[in-house]
Amino acid sequence: MADSSKILLSGEENGEQIKIDPSVLEVILGIAAEKVDGVVGMRGSMASSIKHVLGLDDRGKGVNVSVDSENKLIADIYVYLESGVDVPAVGVKLQKVLKTQLIQMTDLELKEINIHVVGLVFPEDEETEEDTTELFPEDEE
């Protein structure tokens, strides 16, 4: 989950400050990550599972934003990928998309974007129609 500290955005022109909770950044990054081709889903926590049961969407699931000792942002993204995709290519695409999305929406830069592939999702085997012929037909004489 998000670090409890707030992130300060300072306006250079008028000196105003805006405080952003890291959970807001997690939501932004979570939505952006789910839209990348090859990403099937995000890893959820116990809290997100409970929210899902209650019919609520947890958009920040699978994303952990923290602030390091130098006040730089670090994002850990936990994803399930579609089987057969180029994992390094999807990882690089995720990093680019997330970095761009966060800059566009908040003007904040991420120091690190760590992609954790939790698992691969394989398409379910297509069920073939069962042969309706009997294995031991009755002999007709």
C-alpha atoms as a PDB file:
ATOM      1  CA  MET A   1       0.000   0.000   0.000  1.00  0.00           C
ATOM      2  CA  ALA A   2       0.952   3.624  -0.171  1.00  0.00           C
ATOM      3  CA  ASP A   3       3.323   5.244   2.240  1.00  0.00           C
ATOM      4  CA  SER A   4       1.376   7.376   4.719  1.00  0.00           C
ATOM      5  CA  SER A   5       3.405  10.504   3.950  1.00  0.00           C
ATOM      6  CA  LYS A   6       2.059  13.096   1.549  1.00  0.00           C
ATOM      7  CA  ILE A   7       3.935  14.294  -1.515  1.00  0.00           C
ATOM      8  CA  LEU A   8       4.220  18.069  -1.861  1.00  0.00           C
ATOM      9  CA  LEU A   9       3.908  19.824  -5.191  1.00  0.00           C
ATOM     10  CA  SER A  10       5.099  23.424  -5.050  1.00  0.00           C
ATOM     11  CA  GLY A  11       3.903  26.053  -7.474  1.00  0.00           C
ATOM     12  CA  GLU A  12       6.868  28.120  -8.662  1.00  0.00           C
ATOM     13  CA  GLU A  13       4.798  31.118  -9.690  1.00  0.00           C
ATOM     14  CA  ASN A  14       2.728  31.756  -6.564  1.00  0.00           C
ATOM     15  CA  GLY A  15       4.351  29.561  -3.915  1.00  0.00           C
ATOM     16  CA  GLU A  16       1.242  27.444  -3.321  1.00  0.00           C
ATOM     17  CA  GLN A  17       1.609  23.822  -2.323  1.00  0.00           C
ATOM     18  CA  ILE A  18      -0.508  20.823  -3.174  1.00  0.00           C
ATOM     19  CA  LYS A  19      -0.348  17.633  -1.126  1.00  0.00           C
ATOM     20  CA  ILE A  20      -0.861  14.340  -2.939  1.00  0.00           C
ATOM     21  CA  ASP A  21      -1.381  11.038  -1.179  1.00  0.00           C
ATOM     22  CA  PRO A  22       0.703   8.239  -2.766  1.00  0.00           C
ATOM     23  CA  SER A  23      -2.475   6.132  -3.077  1.00  0.00           C
ATOM     24  CA  VAL A  24      -3.653   8.607  -5.745  1.00  0.00           C
ATOM     25  CA  LEU A  25      -0.483   7.917  -7.698  1.00  0.00           C
ATOM     26  CA  GLU A  26      -1.085   4.185  -7.280  1.00  0.00           C
ATOM     27  CA  VAL A  27      -4.514   4.557  -8.875  1.00  0.00           C
ATOM     28  CA  ILE A  28      -3.092   6.536 -11.810  1.00  0.00           C
ATOM     29  CA  LEU A  29      -0.341   3.975 -12.390  1.00  0.00           C
ATOM     30  CA  GLY A  30      -2.701   1.014 -11.932  1.00  0.00           C
ATOM     31  CA  ILE A  31      -5.125   2.256 -14.575  1.00  0.00           C
ATOM     32  CA  ALA A  32      -2.283   2.993 -17.004  1.00  0.00           C
ATOM     33  CA  ALA A  33      -0.651  -0.416 -16.443  1.00  0.00           C
ATOM     34  CA  GLU A  34      -3.858  -2.356 -17.141  1.00  0.00           C
ATOM     35  CA  LYS A  35      -4.102  -0.719 -20.582  1.00  0.00           C
ATOM     36  CA  VAL A  36      -0.701  -1.949 -21.791  1.00  0.00           C
ATOM     37  CA  ASP A  37      -0.902  -4.786 -24.324  1.00  0.00           C
ATOM     38  CA  GLY A  38       0.180  -8.085 -22.801  1.00  0.00           C
ATOM     39  CA  VAL A  39      -0.893  -7.188 -19.258  1.00  0.00           C
ATOM     40  CA  VAL A  40      -3.786  -9.436 -18.217  1.00  0.00           C
ATOM     41  CA  GLY A  41      -4.200  -8.267 -14.646  1.00  0.00           C
ATOM     42  CA  MET A  42      -2.636  -6.863 -11.539  1.00  0.00           C
ATOM     43  CA  ARG A  43      -1.818  -8.636  -8.296  1.00  0.00           C
ATOM     44  CA  GLY A  44      -4.259  -7.769  -5.599  1.00  0.00           C
ATOM     45  CA  SER A  45      -3.926  -7.682  -1.848  1.00  0.00           C
ATOM     46  CA  MET A  46      -6.327  -8.991   0.769  1.00  0.00           C
ATOM     47  CA  ALA A  47      -7.966  -5.548   0.897  1.00  0.00           C
ATOM     48  CA  SER A  48      -8.496  -5.481  -2.871  1.00  0.00           C
ATOM     49  CA  SER A  49      -9.972  -8.988  -2.742  1.00  0.00           C
ATOM     50  CA  ILE A  50     -12.473  -7.878  -0.119  1.00  0.00           C
ATOM     51  CA  LYS A  51     -13.344  -4.810  -2.182  1.00  0.00           C
ATOM     52  CA  HIS A  52     -13.889  -7.051  -5.225  1.00  0.00           C
ATOM     53  CA  VAL A  53     -16.277  -9.271  -3.246  1.00  0.00           C
ATOM     54  CA  LEU A  54     -18.191  -6.164  -2.187  1.00  0.00           C
ATOM     55  CA  GLY A  55     -18.475  -5.076  -5.816  1.00  0.00           C
ATOM     56  CA  LEU A  56     -15.933  -2.270  -5.575  1.00  0.00           C
ATOM     57  CA  ASP A  57     -12.995  -1.792  -7.926  1.00  0.00           C
ATOM     58  CA  ASP A  58      -9.573  -1.266  -6.408  1.00  0.00           C
ATOM     59  CA  ARG A  59      -7.782   0.579  -9.165  1.00  0.00           C
ATOM     60  CA  GLY A  60      -4.517   0.822  -7.237  1.00  0.00           C
ATOM     61  CA  LYS A  61      -4.084  -2.895  -6.720  1.00  0.00           C
ATOM     62  CA  GLY A  62      -0.763  -4.291  -7.821  1.00  0.00           C
ATOM     63  CA  VAL A  63       0.979  -0.928  -7.430  1.00  0.00           C
ATOM     64  CA  ASN A  64       3.088   0.240  -4.527  1.00  0.00           C
ATOM     65  CA  VAL A  65       4.435   3.809  -4.548  1.00  0.00           C
ATOM     66  CA  SER A  66       6.993   4.821  -1.939  1.00  0.00           C
ATOM     67  CA  VAL A  67       9.307   7.745  -1.286  1.00  0.00           C
ATOM     68  CA  ASP A  68      12.987   7.047  -0.684  1.00  0.00           C
ATOM     69  CA  SER A  69      15.366   8.916   1.631  1.00  0.00           C
ATOM     70  CA  GLU A  70      16.063  11.497  -1.098  1.00  0.00           C
ATOM     71  CA  ASN A  71      12.301  12.206  -1.527  1.00  0.00           C
ATOM     72  CA  LYS A  72      12.301  10.458  -4.908  1.00  0.00           C
ATOM     73  CA  LEU A  73       9.373   8.282  -6.002  1.00  0.00           C
ATOM     74  CA  ILE A  74       9.753   4.546  -6.452  1.00  0.00           C
ATOM     75  CA  ALA A  75       6.990   2.434  -7.986  1.00  0.00           C
ATOM     76  CA  ASP A  76       6.708  -1.337  -7.717  1.00  0.00           C
ATOM     77  CA  ILE A  77       4.253  -2.814 -10.242  1.00  0.00           C
ATOM     78  CA  TYR A  78       3.015  -6.415  -9.847  1.00  0.00           C
ATOM     79  CA  VAL A  79       1.466  -7.797 -13.051  1.00  0.00           C
ATOM     80  CA  TYR A  80       0.156 -10.969 -14.635  1.00  0.00           C
ATOM     81  CA  LEU A  81       1.158 -11.228 -18.291  1.00  0.00           C
ATOM     82  CA  GLU A  82      -0.453 -13.060 -21.171  1.00  0.00           C
ATOM     83  CA  SER A  83       1.436 -16.205 -22.123  1.00  0.00           C
ATOM     84  CA  GLY A  84       3.471 -15.917 -25.279  1.00  0.00           C
ATOM     85  CA  VAL A  85       4.307 -12.211 -24.930  1.00  0.00           C
ATOM     86  CA  ASP A  86       7.844 -10.875 -25.004  1.00  0.00           C
ATOM     87  CA  VAL A  87       8.237 -10.289 -21.254  1.00  0.00           C
ATOM     88  CA  PRO A  88      11.189  -7.840 -21.440  1.00  0.00           C
ATOM     89  CA  ALA A  89       9.446  -5.825 -24.171  1.00  0.00           C
ATOM     90  CA  VAL A  90       6.229  -5.584 -22.148  1.00  0.00           C
ATOM     91  CA  GLY A  91       8.259  -4.566 -19.090  1.00  0.00           C
ATOM     92  CA  VAL A  92       9.996  -1.762 -20.986  1.00  0.00           C
ATOM     93  CA  LYS A  93       6.674  -0.626 -22.483  1.00  0.00           C
ATOM     94  CA  LEU A  94       5.128  -0.578 -18.991  1.00  0.00           C
ATOM     95  CA  GLN A  95       7.973   1.565 -17.668  1.00  0.00           C
ATOM     96  CA  LYS A  96       7.645   4.066 -20.526  1.00  0.00           C
ATOM     97  CA  VAL A  97       3.854   4.290 -20.323  1.00  0.00           C
ATOM     98  CA  LEU A  98       3.821   4.701 -16.541  1.00  0.00           C
ATOM     99  CA  LYS A  99       6.542   7.330 -16.540  1.00  0.00           C
ATOM    100  CA  THR A 100       4.790   9.329 -19.264  1.00  0.00           C
ATOM    101  CA  GLN A 101       1.357   9.030 -17.642  1.00  0.00           C
ATOM    102  CA  LEU A 102       2.569  10.231 -14.256  1.00  0.00           C
ATOM    103  CA  ILE A 103       4.437  13.196 -15.745  1.00  0.00           C
ATOM    104  CA  GLN A 104       1.395  14.214 -17.799  1.00  0.00           C
ATOM    105  CA  MET A 105      -1.023  14.002 -14.881  1.00  0.00           C
ATOM    106  CA  THR A 106       1.048  15.222 -11.918  1.00  0.00           C
ATOM    107  CA  ASP A 107       4.351  16.590 -13.267  1.00  0.00           C
ATOM    108  CA  LEU A 108       6.127  14.121 -10.963  1.00  0.00           C
ATOM    109  CA  GLU A 109       8.946  11.865 -12.089  1.00  0.00           C
ATOM    110  CA  LEU A 110       9.617   8.344 -10.899  1.00  0.00           C
ATOM    111  CA  LYS A 111      13.170   7.524  -9.867  1.00  0.00           C
ATOM    112  CA  GLU A 112      12.542   3.792 -10.282  1.00  0.00           C
ATOM    113  CA  ILE A 113       9.823   1.696 -11.868  1.00  0.00           C
ATOM    114  CA  ASN A 114      10.258  -1.920 -10.832  1.00  0.00           C
ATOM    115  CA  ILE A 115       8.149  -4.404 -12.794  1.00  0.00           C
ATOM    116  CA  HIS A 116       7.435  -7.683 -10.995  1.00  0.00           C
ATOM    117  CA  VAL A 117       5.920 -10.428 -13.160  1.00  0.00           C
ATOM    118  CA  VAL A 118       3.779 -12.387 -10.718  1.00  0.00           C
ATOM    119  CA  GLY A 119       2.672 -14.974 -13.252  1.00  0.00           C
ATOM    120  CA  LEU A 120       1.645 -15.849 -16.773  1.00  0.00           C
ATOM    121  CA  VAL A 121      -1.952 -16.394 -17.756  1.00  0.00           C
ATOM    122  CA  PHE A 122      -2.573 -19.158 -20.268  1.00  0.00           C
ATOM    123  CA  PRO A 123      -5.719 -19.168 -22.375  1.00  0.00           C
ATOM    124  CA  GLU A 124      -8.102 -21.901 -21.374  1.00  0.00           C
ATOM    125  CA  ASP A 125      -8.086 -24.867 -23.679  1.00  0.00           C
ATOM    126  CA  GLU A 126     -10.986 -24.617 -26.039  1.00  0.00           C
ATOM    127  CA  GLU A 127     -13.372 -27.395 -25.303  1.00  0.00           C
ATOM    128  CA  THR A 128     -14.029 -29.564 -28.279  1.00  0.00           C
ATOM    129  CA  GLU A 129     -17.440 -31.023 -28.852  1.00  0.00           C
ATOM    130  CA  GLU A 130     -17.637 -34.421 -27.332  1.00  0.00           C
ATOM    131  CA  ASP A 131     -18.099 -37.313 -29.669  1.00  0.00           C
ATOM    132  CA  THR A 132     -21.595 -38.537 -29.074  1.00  0.00           C
ATOM    133  CA  THR A 133     -21.001 -42.003 -30.500  1.00  0.00           C
ATOM    134  CA  GLU A 134     -21.131 -44.722 -27.926  1.00  0.00           C
ATOM    135  CA  LEU A 135     -17.985 -46.536 -27.025  1.00  0.00           C
ATOM    136  CA  PHE A 136     -19.707 -49.918 -26.898  1.00  0.00           C
ATOM    137  CA  PRO A 137     -22.670 -49.785 -29.200  1.00  0.00           C
ATOM    138  CA  GLU A 138     -25.278 -52.469 -28.895  1.00  0.00           C
ATOM    139  CA  ASP A 139     -24.857 -55.085 -31.524  1.00  0.00           C
ATOM    140  CA  GLU A 140     -27.715 -55.096 -33.927  1.00  0.00           C
ATOM    141  CA  GLU A 141     -28.256 -58.423 -35.497  1.00  0.00           C
END
